[in-house]
Amino acid sequence: MFTIIGRRRLAALVAAAVAGLTLTSGLSQAAPATSPITAEAAASASAGPLHVMSYNLRYASDTPPNTWADRRPVMREQLRQARPQLIGTQEGLYSQLQDIASDLGPAYDSIGLGREGGSKGEFMMVFFDQRRLQPLEYDHFWLSDTPDVIGSKTWAGCCPRMVTWVRFKDNATSQEFYAVNTHLEAYDATTRSKSADLILQRIAGFDPALPIIMTADYNEAAKPGLTVYDKLVTSGKFADSWVTAERRSALYATFHGYKPLTPNGDRIDWILTTPGLRVSKASINTFSKNGQFPSDHLPVESWIHLG
């Protein structure tokens, strides 16, 4: 589940070999008929905008209120309704991410690593619909002076911070692109600034012909005049998909802390793209059920045209 092929895909390949089946690039043929997302397989794999979500999951907690046991069924319903094809998640813990993988169903796989190494600590997990996306390469680095050292933390802040990136091929358009996913420091602005510099330095090594989509909890409002936004967007190489979108949902602060939503509040969760990618729609997903939100953040979504 957490490797480039993933346990689900490996199991499907073994099962197909035993049964004498020919498996395509996705898992939809191997999915059981009762899978909650099987009925949407054709729509998910069709050409059209890539549906991208950035989601701070709020790490799993057993301390009331808003325990993971309470939140999981609400998040399951939210994700099954939304059916994003690419999800950059933040804060997820290993067992929590296993739950989400199960809830998404066998058409999805994921790539990630605990920020303290292995399954330890929070992940910058990238979930993807295999019917639409094929991973070609991936890696991780840490937001520190020693970015290739697992779990390294040399700047101020609460904890190690990291980036997971994947180069994908879009099966619908044959376009390749990079997905970058991160969670910046919450408590130190200088560390956030250094992190933005390092991200720009690292992505300069990507194939310049390929577009980039970056999902993150930036822990800073998406506003010109603020350091991270200015480095990445105002004077940087990215466009803010909320701003460039042709249509947008109502705006709410993306962090709510399980309190009433704040209209026209700050977006600290953003989806960025390299310039030139058309964004037909952007949305802040406010799904809740019986007063229960699935996370203390609202996921943000963009429909991005890669062709």
Protein backbone atom coordinates (compact mmCIF):
# COMPACT_ATOMS: atom_id res chain seq x y z
CA MET A 1 0.00 0.00 0.00
CA PHE A 2 2.83 2.39 0.77
CA THR A 3 5.28 1.43 -1.96
CA ILE A 4 5.54 2.29 -5.61
CA ILE A 5 3.52 -0.80 -6.53
CA GLY A 6 1.60 -1.25 -3.29
CA ARG A 7 0.22 -4.33 -1.60
CA ARG A 8 -3.15 -3.96 -3.27
CA ARG A 9 -1.70 -3.92 -6.75
CA LEU A 10 0.68 -6.79 -5.96
CA ALA A 11 -2.21 -8.87 -4.62
CA ALA A 12 -4.25 -8.06 -7.71
CA LEU A 13 -1.40 -9.09 -10.00
CA VAL A 14 -0.96 -12.40 -8.16
CA ALA A 15 -4.70 -13.05 -8.22
CA ALA A 16 -4.85 -12.25 -11.93
CA ALA A 17 -1.98 -14.60 -12.67
CA VAL A 18 -3.66 -17.43 -10.76
CA ALA A 19 -6.95 -16.84 -12.54
CA GLY A 20 -5.31 -16.48 -15.95
CA LEU A 21 -6.57 -12.91 -16.31
CA THR A 22 -5.00 -10.01 -18.21
CA LEU A 23 -4.79 -6.95 -15.98
CA THR A 24 -4.70 -3.40 -17.36
CA SER A 25 -2.87 -0.50 -15.72
CA GLY A 26 -5.68 0.04 -13.21
CA LEU A 27 -7.29 -2.18 -10.61
CA SER A 28 -10.91 -1.61 -11.59
CA GLN A 29 -11.12 -4.99 -13.37
CA ALA A 30 -9.92 -6.76 -10.24
CA ALA A 31 -12.16 -4.81 -7.86
CA PRO A 32 -15.07 -6.73 -6.30
CA ALA A 33 -18.51 -5.84 -7.62
CA THR A 34 -19.48 -4.56 -4.18
CA SER A 35 -16.70 -1.96 -4.09
CA PRO A 36 -18.28 1.42 -3.24
CA ILE A 37 -16.40 3.15 -6.07
CA THR A 38 -16.63 0.50 -8.81
CA ALA A 39 -19.69 2.13 -10.35
CA GLU A 40 -17.66 5.29 -10.95
CA ALA A 41 -14.72 3.52 -12.60
CA ALA A 42 -15.42 4.69 -16.13
CA ALA A 43 -15.95 8.30 -15.07
CA SER A 44 -12.81 8.28 -12.94
CA ALA A 45 -10.60 7.10 -15.79
CA SER A 46 -12.11 9.34 -18.45
CA ALA A 47 -10.25 12.21 -20.04
CA GLY A 48 -11.03 15.52 -18.45
CA PRO A 49 -9.69 17.64 -15.61
CA LEU A 50 -7.66 15.91 -12.95
CA HIS A 51 -9.52 16.18 -9.65
CA VAL A 52 -6.94 17.09 -6.99
CA MET A 53 -7.47 17.41 -3.23
CA SER A 54 -5.20 18.71 -0.47
CA TYR A 55 -6.29 17.43 2.94
CA ASN A 56 -4.88 17.88 6.43
CA LEU A 57 -6.48 14.82 8.00
CA ARG A 58 -5.87 15.72 11.65
CA TYR A 59 -3.86 12.86 13.09
CA ALA A 60 -5.78 9.98 14.66
CA SER A 61 -6.61 10.53 18.31
CA ASP A 62 -8.54 8.46 20.84
CA THR A 63 -9.14 11.44 23.13
CA PRO A 64 -12.73 12.81 22.96
CA PRO A 65 -14.15 14.78 21.36
CA ASN A 66 -13.53 14.27 17.65
CA THR A 67 -11.79 10.92 17.97
CA TRP A 68 -10.69 9.10 14.85
CA ALA A 69 -13.39 6.51 15.52
CA ASP A 70 -15.97 9.32 15.36
CA ARG A 71 -14.41 11.03 12.36
CA ARG A 72 -13.54 8.07 10.18
CA PRO A 73 -17.06 7.24 8.90
CA VAL A 74 -17.64 10.91 8.07
CA MET A 75 -14.36 11.14 6.17
CA ARG A 76 -15.15 7.87 4.40
CA GLU A 77 -18.43 9.31 3.13
CA GLN A 78 -16.80 12.60 2.18
CA LEU A 79 -14.02 10.95 0.15
CA ARG A 80 -16.38 8.51 -1.56
CA GLN A 81 -18.64 11.37 -2.56
CA ALA A 82 -15.78 13.56 -3.81
CA ARG A 83 -13.72 10.77 -5.49
CA PRO A 84 -10.59 12.89 -6.07
CA GLN A 85 -8.06 11.22 -8.34
CA LEU A 86 -5.04 12.68 -6.53
CA ILE A 87 -4.99 13.43 -2.80
CA GLY A 88 -2.08 15.02 -0.98
CA THR A 89 -2.65 14.36 2.71
CA GLN A 90 -0.93 15.80 5.77
CA GLU A 91 -0.72 14.59 9.39
CA GLY A 92 -1.95 11.05 8.75
CA LEU A 93 -0.57 8.31 10.98
CA TYR A 94 0.20 4.83 9.67
CA SER A 95 -2.85 3.00 11.05
CA GLN A 96 -5.10 5.93 10.13
CA LEU A 97 -3.81 5.88 6.56
CA GLN A 98 -4.46 2.15 6.38
CA ASP A 99 -8.08 2.90 7.33
CA ILE A 100 -8.34 5.55 4.62
CA ALA A 101 -6.81 3.21 2.03
CA SER A 102 -9.42 0.60 2.93
CA ASP A 103 -12.22 3.18 2.75
CA LEU A 104 -11.09 4.50 -0.64
CA GLY A 105 -11.14 1.00 -2.08
CA PRO A 106 -8.87 -1.12 -4.29
CA ALA A 107 -8.71 1.32 -7.21
CA TYR A 108 -6.49 3.59 -5.09
CA ASP A 109 -2.87 3.19 -4.10
CA SER A 110 -0.56 5.46 -2.11
CA ILE A 111 3.05 6.53 -1.69
CA GLY A 112 4.51 7.93 1.50
CA LEU A 113 6.88 7.58 4.43
CA GLY A 114 6.65 8.55 8.08
CA ARG A 115 8.50 11.78 8.73
CA GLU A 116 10.56 10.02 11.44
CA GLY A 117 11.30 7.12 9.12
CA GLY A 118 9.43 3.95 8.21
CA SER A 119 5.94 3.98 9.69
CA LYS A 120 6.89 6.40 12.49
CA GLY A 121 5.34 9.84 12.72
CA GLU A 122 3.07 11.73 10.39
CA PHE A 123 3.05 11.05 6.64
CA MET A 124 2.83 13.32 3.63
CA MET A 125 0.89 10.53 1.94
CA VAL A 126 -0.06 10.79 -1.73
CA PHE A 127 -3.15 8.76 -2.61
CA PHE A 128 -3.96 8.25 -6.28
CA ASP A 129 -6.56 6.54 -8.44
CA GLN A 130 -4.61 3.95 -10.42
CA ARG A 131 -7.17 3.99 -13.21
CA ARG A 132 -6.12 7.58 -13.95
CA LEU A 133 -2.55 7.91 -12.71
CA GLN A 134 0.57 5.78 -13.06
CA PRO A 135 3.56 6.57 -10.79
CA LEU A 136 6.90 6.65 -12.59
CA GLU A 137 9.27 7.73 -9.81
CA TYR A 138 9.11 9.20 -6.32
CA ASP A 139 11.26 10.41 -3.45
CA HIS A 140 11.20 12.24 -0.13
CA PHE A 141 13.28 14.99 1.45
CA TRP A 142 13.28 16.75 4.79
CA LEU A 143 12.91 20.47 5.36
CA SER A 144 16.23 21.01 7.09
CA ASP A 145 19.90 21.73 6.40
CA THR A 146 20.32 17.98 5.77
CA PRO A 147 17.34 17.26 3.52
CA ASP A 148 18.43 13.74 2.60
CA VAL A 149 18.71 12.62 6.24
CA ILE A 150 15.54 10.83 7.33
CA GLY A 151 13.85 12.57 10.24
CA SER A 152 16.29 15.49 10.26
CA LYS A 153 15.33 18.74 11.99
CA THR A 154 17.91 21.55 12.07
CA TRP A 155 15.56 24.55 12.05
CA ALA A 156 13.23 25.85 14.73
CA GLY A 157 9.79 24.36 15.16
CA CYS A 158 7.89 21.53 16.71
CA CYS A 159 9.04 18.54 14.71
CA PRO A 160 10.62 17.19 11.54
CA ARG A 161 8.92 18.38 8.35
CA MET A 162 9.22 16.70 4.99
CA VAL A 163 8.18 16.59 1.33
CA THR A 164 6.98 13.61 -0.68
CA TRP A 165 6.97 13.94 -4.46
CA VAL A 166 5.84 11.64 -7.27
CA ARG A 167 6.22 11.87 -11.03
CA PHE A 168 3.01 10.57 -12.58
CA LYS A 169 1.77 9.69 -16.03
CA ASP A 170 -1.86 10.65 -16.60
CA ASN A 171 -3.41 7.64 -18.33
CA ALA A 172 -6.17 9.79 -19.83
CA THR A 173 -3.91 12.28 -21.61
CA SER A 174 -0.44 10.61 -21.53
CA GLN A 175 0.81 13.85 -19.93
CA GLU A 176 3.46 13.45 -17.23
CA PHE A 177 3.61 15.76 -14.23
CA TYR A 178 5.02 16.04 -10.73
CA ALA A 179 2.91 15.94 -7.57
CA VAL A 180 4.57 17.56 -4.54
CA ASN A 181 3.05 17.29 -1.07
CA THR A 182 4.18 18.90 2.19
CA HIS A 183 3.21 20.40 5.55
CA LEU A 184 5.12 23.49 6.64
CA GLU A 185 6.06 24.45 10.17
CA ALA A 186 3.24 25.89 12.27
CA TYR A 187 5.14 27.84 14.92
CA ASP A 188 8.14 29.51 13.29
CA ALA A 189 7.93 31.89 10.33
CA THR A 190 11.67 31.75 9.61
CA THR A 191 11.47 27.98 9.26
CA ARG A 192 8.55 28.32 6.85
CA SER A 193 10.59 30.78 4.80
CA LYS A 194 13.60 28.45 4.70
CA SER A 195 11.29 25.58 3.75
CA ALA A 196 9.92 27.52 0.79
CA ASP A 197 13.49 28.25 -0.37
CA LEU A 198 14.46 24.57 -0.12
CA ILE A 199 11.37 23.40 -1.99
CA LEU A 200 12.12 25.81 -4.83
CA GLN A 201 15.74 24.64 -4.88
CA ARG A 202 14.75 20.97 -5.03
CA ILE A 203 12.08 21.27 -7.70
CA ALA A 204 14.58 23.15 -9.88
CA GLY A 205 16.03 19.69 -10.44
CA PHE A 206 12.79 18.34 -11.92
CA ASP A 207 12.32 17.97 -15.66
CA PRO A 208 11.52 21.58 -16.66
CA ALA A 209 9.22 20.39 -19.45
CA LEU A 210 6.76 18.84 -16.97
CA PRO A 211 4.14 20.71 -14.94
CA ILE A 212 4.01 20.57 -11.14
CA ILE A 213 1.02 20.37 -8.80
CA MET A 214 1.78 21.09 -5.15
CA THR A 215 -0.60 20.27 -2.30
CA ALA A 216 0.12 21.41 1.25
CA ASP A 217 -0.89 22.81 4.57
CA TYR A 218 1.36 25.88 4.44
CA ASN A 219 0.37 27.13 7.91
CA GLU A 220 0.31 30.62 6.42
CA ALA A 221 -2.47 32.51 4.69
CA ALA A 222 -2.52 32.64 0.90
CA LYS A 223 -2.03 36.39 0.67
CA PRO A 224 0.42 38.60 -1.22
CA GLY A 225 2.74 40.27 1.25
CA LEU A 226 3.19 37.13 3.35
CA THR A 227 6.56 35.41 3.03
CA VAL A 228 5.73 31.91 1.84
CA TYR A 229 3.07 33.05 -0.60
CA ASP A 230 5.37 35.68 -2.04
CA LYS A 231 8.27 33.24 -2.43
CA LEU A 232 6.19 30.52 -4.05
CA VAL A 233 3.56 32.53 -5.93
CA THR A 234 3.99 36.31 -6.12
CA SER A 235 7.68 36.14 -7.06
CA GLY A 236 7.94 32.38 -7.45
CA LYS A 237 7.29 29.74 -10.06
CA PHE A 238 3.75 28.78 -8.99
CA ALA A 239 0.22 29.93 -9.62
CA ASP A 240 -2.50 29.71 -6.95
CA SER A 241 -5.21 27.44 -8.36
CA TRP A 242 -7.86 29.18 -6.24
CA VAL A 243 -7.02 32.47 -7.94
CA THR A 244 -6.67 31.08 -11.47
CA ALA A 245 -9.80 28.90 -11.30
CA GLU A 246 -12.61 29.80 -13.69
CA ARG A 247 -15.20 28.95 -11.02
CA ARG A 248 -14.94 28.85 -7.24
CA SER A 249 -17.04 27.70 -4.32
CA ALA A 250 -17.75 29.88 -1.31
CA LEU A 251 -14.61 30.81 0.62
CA TYR A 252 -14.11 29.64 4.19
CA ALA A 253 -11.08 29.54 6.45
CA THR A 254 -9.58 26.12 5.80
CA PHE A 255 -8.67 25.59 9.47
CA HIS A 256 -11.72 25.60 11.74
CA GLY A 257 -10.65 23.56 14.76
CA TYR A 258 -14.12 21.93 14.94
CA LYS A 259 -15.70 25.31 15.54
CA PRO A 260 -18.25 27.14 13.34
CA LEU A 261 -16.89 27.90 9.89
CA THR A 262 -15.47 31.33 9.12
CA PRO A 263 -16.74 32.80 5.81
CA ASN A 264 -14.06 34.63 3.82
CA GLY A 265 -11.41 33.41 6.23
CA ASP A 266 -7.78 32.58 5.55
CA ARG A 267 -6.78 29.74 3.25
CA ILE A 268 -3.77 28.07 4.86
CA ASP A 269 -4.25 24.96 2.69
CA TRP A 270 -3.54 25.58 -1.00
CA ILE A 271 -3.12 23.77 -4.29
CA LEU A 272 -0.45 25.38 -6.46
CA THR A 273 0.39 24.67 -10.09
CA THR A 274 3.06 25.78 -12.48
CA PRO A 275 1.70 28.54 -14.74
CA GLY A 276 -0.18 27.61 -17.87
CA LEU A 277 -2.33 24.84 -16.44
CA ARG A 278 -6.02 25.57 -16.82
CA VAL A 279 -8.07 25.23 -13.62
CA SER A 280 -11.76 24.97 -14.41
CA LYS A 281 -12.96 24.86 -10.80
CA ALA A 282 -11.73 25.24 -7.22
CA SER A 283 -13.65 24.33 -4.11
CA ILE A 284 -13.44 24.23 -0.34
CA ASN A 285 -15.21 21.08 0.82
CA THR A 286 -17.39 21.76 3.88
CA PHE A 287 -18.87 18.26 4.28
CA SER A 288 -19.96 17.27 7.78
CA LYS A 289 -22.55 14.88 9.17
CA ASN A 290 -24.71 15.33 12.24
CA GLY A 291 -22.41 18.13 13.38
CA GLN A 292 -19.25 16.03 13.02
CA PHE A 293 -16.47 17.28 10.77
CA PRO A 294 -14.02 14.67 9.49
CA SER A 295 -11.00 16.86 10.32
CA ASP A 296 -10.13 20.19 11.90
CA HIS A 297 -9.24 21.40 8.38
CA LEU A 298 -11.45 21.68 5.33
CA PRO A 299 -10.01 19.92 2.28
CA VAL A 300 -9.44 22.08 -0.79
CA GLU A 301 -10.03 20.80 -4.31
CA SER A 302 -9.06 21.85 -7.81
CA TRP A 303 -9.98 20.48 -11.23
CA ILE A 304 -6.81 20.84 -13.29
CA HIS A 305 -6.48 20.31 -17.04
CA LEU A 306 -3.18 18.67 -17.93
CA GLY A 307 -3.62 18.37 -21.69
